[in-house]
Protein backbone atom coordinates (compact mmCIF):
# COMPACT_ATOMS: atom_id res chain seq x y z
CA MET A 1 17.35 69.43 52.50
CA GLN A 2 15.06 68.06 49.79
CA ASP A 3 13.63 64.58 50.08
CA PRO A 4 14.71 62.20 47.36
CA PRO A 5 12.14 62.01 44.52
CA ARG A 6 11.05 58.49 45.46
CA ARG A 7 10.30 59.46 49.05
CA GLN A 8 8.42 62.58 47.94
CA PHE A 9 6.43 60.46 45.46
CA SER A 10 5.34 58.06 48.21
CA ALA A 11 4.56 60.83 50.67
CA ASP A 12 2.31 62.59 48.14
CA CYS A 13 0.47 59.37 47.31
CA VAL A 14 -0.09 58.45 50.95
CA GLN A 15 -1.22 61.97 51.78
CA SER A 16 -3.67 61.95 48.88
CA ALA A 17 -5.03 58.54 49.87
CA PHE A 18 -5.62 59.58 53.48
CA THR A 19 -7.14 62.92 52.47
CA PHE A 20 -9.62 61.28 50.10
CA GLY A 21 -10.30 58.57 52.69
CA LEU A 22 -11.07 61.07 55.43
CA GLY A 23 -13.21 63.17 53.11
CA GLY A 24 -15.08 60.11 51.89
CA GLY A 25 -15.68 58.91 55.45
CA VAL A 26 -17.08 62.25 56.57
CA PHE A 27 -19.22 62.53 53.44
CA GLY A 28 -20.60 59.02 53.89
CA ALA A 29 -21.47 59.60 57.54
CA VAL A 30 -23.16 62.93 56.82
CA LEU A 31 -25.04 61.37 53.92
CA ALA A 32 -26.26 58.58 56.18
CA VAL A 33 -27.42 60.94 58.91
CA PHE A 34 -29.14 63.54 56.76
CA GLY A 35 -29.96 61.42 53.73
CA SER A 36 -31.60 58.35 55.16
CA GLY A 37 -31.82 59.19 58.84
CA GLY A 38 -31.46 55.56 59.79
CA THR A 39 -33.71 52.80 58.61
CA MET A 40 -36.65 53.51 60.85
CA SER A 41 -38.94 56.32 61.84
CA LEU A 42 -39.82 57.51 65.33
CA SER A 43 -43.29 56.03 65.00
CA GLY A 44 -41.83 52.51 64.73
CA ILE A 45 -43.66 49.43 63.56
CA ASN A 46 -47.46 49.35 63.85
CA GLY A 47 -47.53 52.92 65.12
CA GLU A 48 -45.88 52.20 68.48
CA LYS A 49 -43.45 54.79 69.77
CA VAL A 50 -39.73 54.12 69.52
CA PRO A 51 -37.42 55.67 72.12
CA LEU A 52 -35.26 58.46 70.76
CA SER A 53 -32.12 56.77 72.08
CA TYR A 54 -32.87 53.64 70.03
CA TYR A 55 -33.43 55.76 66.93
CA CYS A 56 -30.16 57.67 67.47
CA ARG A 57 -28.24 54.44 68.06
CA SER A 58 -29.61 52.99 64.81
CA MET A 59 -28.75 56.17 62.91
CA SER A 60 -25.21 56.26 64.32
CA ARG A 61 -24.62 52.63 63.29
CA THR A 62 -25.82 53.41 59.78
CA ALA A 63 -23.59 56.50 59.66
CA TRP A 64 -20.58 54.48 60.85
CA ARG A 65 -21.12 51.74 58.24
CA GLN A 66 -21.70 54.14 55.38
CA GLY A 67 -18.84 56.43 56.44
CA ARG A 68 -16.47 53.47 56.63
CA SER A 69 -17.52 52.31 53.17
CA PHE A 70 -17.14 55.75 51.57
CA GLY A 71 -13.86 56.28 53.41
CA LEU A 72 -12.39 53.02 52.14
CA TRP A 73 -13.41 53.85 48.59
CA GLY A 74 -11.98 57.35 48.94
CA PHE A 75 -8.72 55.91 50.30
CA TYR A 76 -8.37 53.58 47.31
CA PHE A 77 -9.35 56.29 44.85
CA GLY A 78 -7.00 58.91 46.28
CA GLY A 79 -4.03 56.55 46.31
CA VAL A 80 -4.58 55.25 42.80
CA LEU A 81 -5.24 58.74 41.42
CA ALA A 82 -2.03 60.11 42.94
CA VAL A 83 0.05 57.23 41.58
CA ILE A 84 -1.43 57.62 38.10
CA GLU A 85 -0.93 61.40 38.05
CA LYS A 86 2.67 61.12 39.26
CA ARG A 87 3.59 58.36 36.83
CA ARG A 88 1.90 59.84 33.76
CA GLY A 89 2.82 63.44 34.50
CA LYS A 90 -0.49 64.61 33.01
CA ASN A 91 -3.74 65.82 34.50
CA ASP A 92 -6.52 64.85 32.09
CA TYR A 93 -9.77 62.87 32.15
CA LEU A 94 -8.03 59.51 31.84
CA ASN A 95 -6.57 59.75 35.36
CA PRO A 96 -9.88 59.90 37.28
CA PHE A 97 -11.46 57.37 34.90
CA VAL A 98 -8.76 54.77 35.59
CA ALA A 99 -8.67 55.59 39.32
CA GLY A 100 -12.47 55.26 39.55
CA ALA A 101 -12.40 51.98 37.65
CA VAL A 102 -9.65 50.47 39.80
CA SER A 103 -11.08 51.69 43.10
CA ALA A 104 -14.58 50.44 42.24
CA CYS A 105 -13.16 46.92 41.90
CA MET A 106 -10.59 46.89 44.71
CA PRO A 107 -12.69 46.05 47.78
CA THR A 108 -14.44 43.07 46.20
CA GLY A 109 -12.13 41.86 43.49
CA MET A 110 -13.23 38.70 41.78
CA ALA A 111 -14.96 37.33 44.88
CA MET A 112 -18.28 39.04 44.21
CA GLY A 113 -19.91 37.91 40.99
CA GLY A 114 -17.04 36.96 38.75
CA PRO A 115 -15.29 38.82 35.96
CA THR A 116 -18.45 40.18 34.31
CA ARG A 117 -19.55 41.97 37.44
CA VAL A 118 -16.05 43.29 38.06
CA ALA A 119 -15.92 44.67 34.51
CA VAL A 120 -19.31 46.35 34.92
CA ARG A 121 -18.18 47.89 38.22
CA ALA A 122 -14.94 49.09 36.67
CA ILE A 123 -16.67 50.74 33.72
CA GLY A 124 -19.38 52.23 35.94
CA GLY A 125 -16.89 53.57 38.48
CA GLY A 126 -14.69 55.05 35.79
CA VAL A 127 -17.55 56.73 33.95
CA PHE A 128 -19.07 58.05 37.18
CA VAL A 129 -15.82 59.61 38.40
CA ALA A 130 -14.91 61.02 34.98
CA ALA A 131 -18.37 62.61 34.73
CA LEU A 132 -17.98 64.14 38.20
CA GLU A 133 -14.58 65.48 37.22
CA LYS A 134 -16.06 67.07 34.10
CA VAL A 135 -18.92 68.66 36.08
CA PHE A 136 -16.61 70.03 38.77
CA ASN A 137 -14.22 71.41 36.17
CA ALA A 138 -17.11 73.08 34.34
CA LEU A 139 -18.32 74.65 37.59
CA GLN A 140 -14.84 76.00 38.29
CA GLY A 141 -14.41 77.30 34.74
CA ILE A 142 -11.56 74.92 33.95
CA GLU A 143 -11.41 73.64 30.37
């Protein structure tokens, strides 16, 4: 038996949001571990040795924070993108642009810096995601 269209619509959107959220979380954690490697080196401050366990603990905290941040953004982006694609019925560059713009503003809203900062974040997020979409489509040979 087929699910009613409304239920299928919500299931697809939730699935997309969680998929992007999980992918973003893993990407953020990996980026933190291999990109920055924590905020300190093994030599420590003033050349004194830092225990490896302390270094690993610092790196895991950084990975957790960055993974959580990327995961939250991915969750917002995936949900908004799925809703836009389902409602518009098209798959073009406007969908990721709007989803990137909305998801760049969602966690902070107007609380961080007022409307000017929110507008700059929205435009920056939209342009960034639309550019990524264009690059990935070019790599895959899609128009």
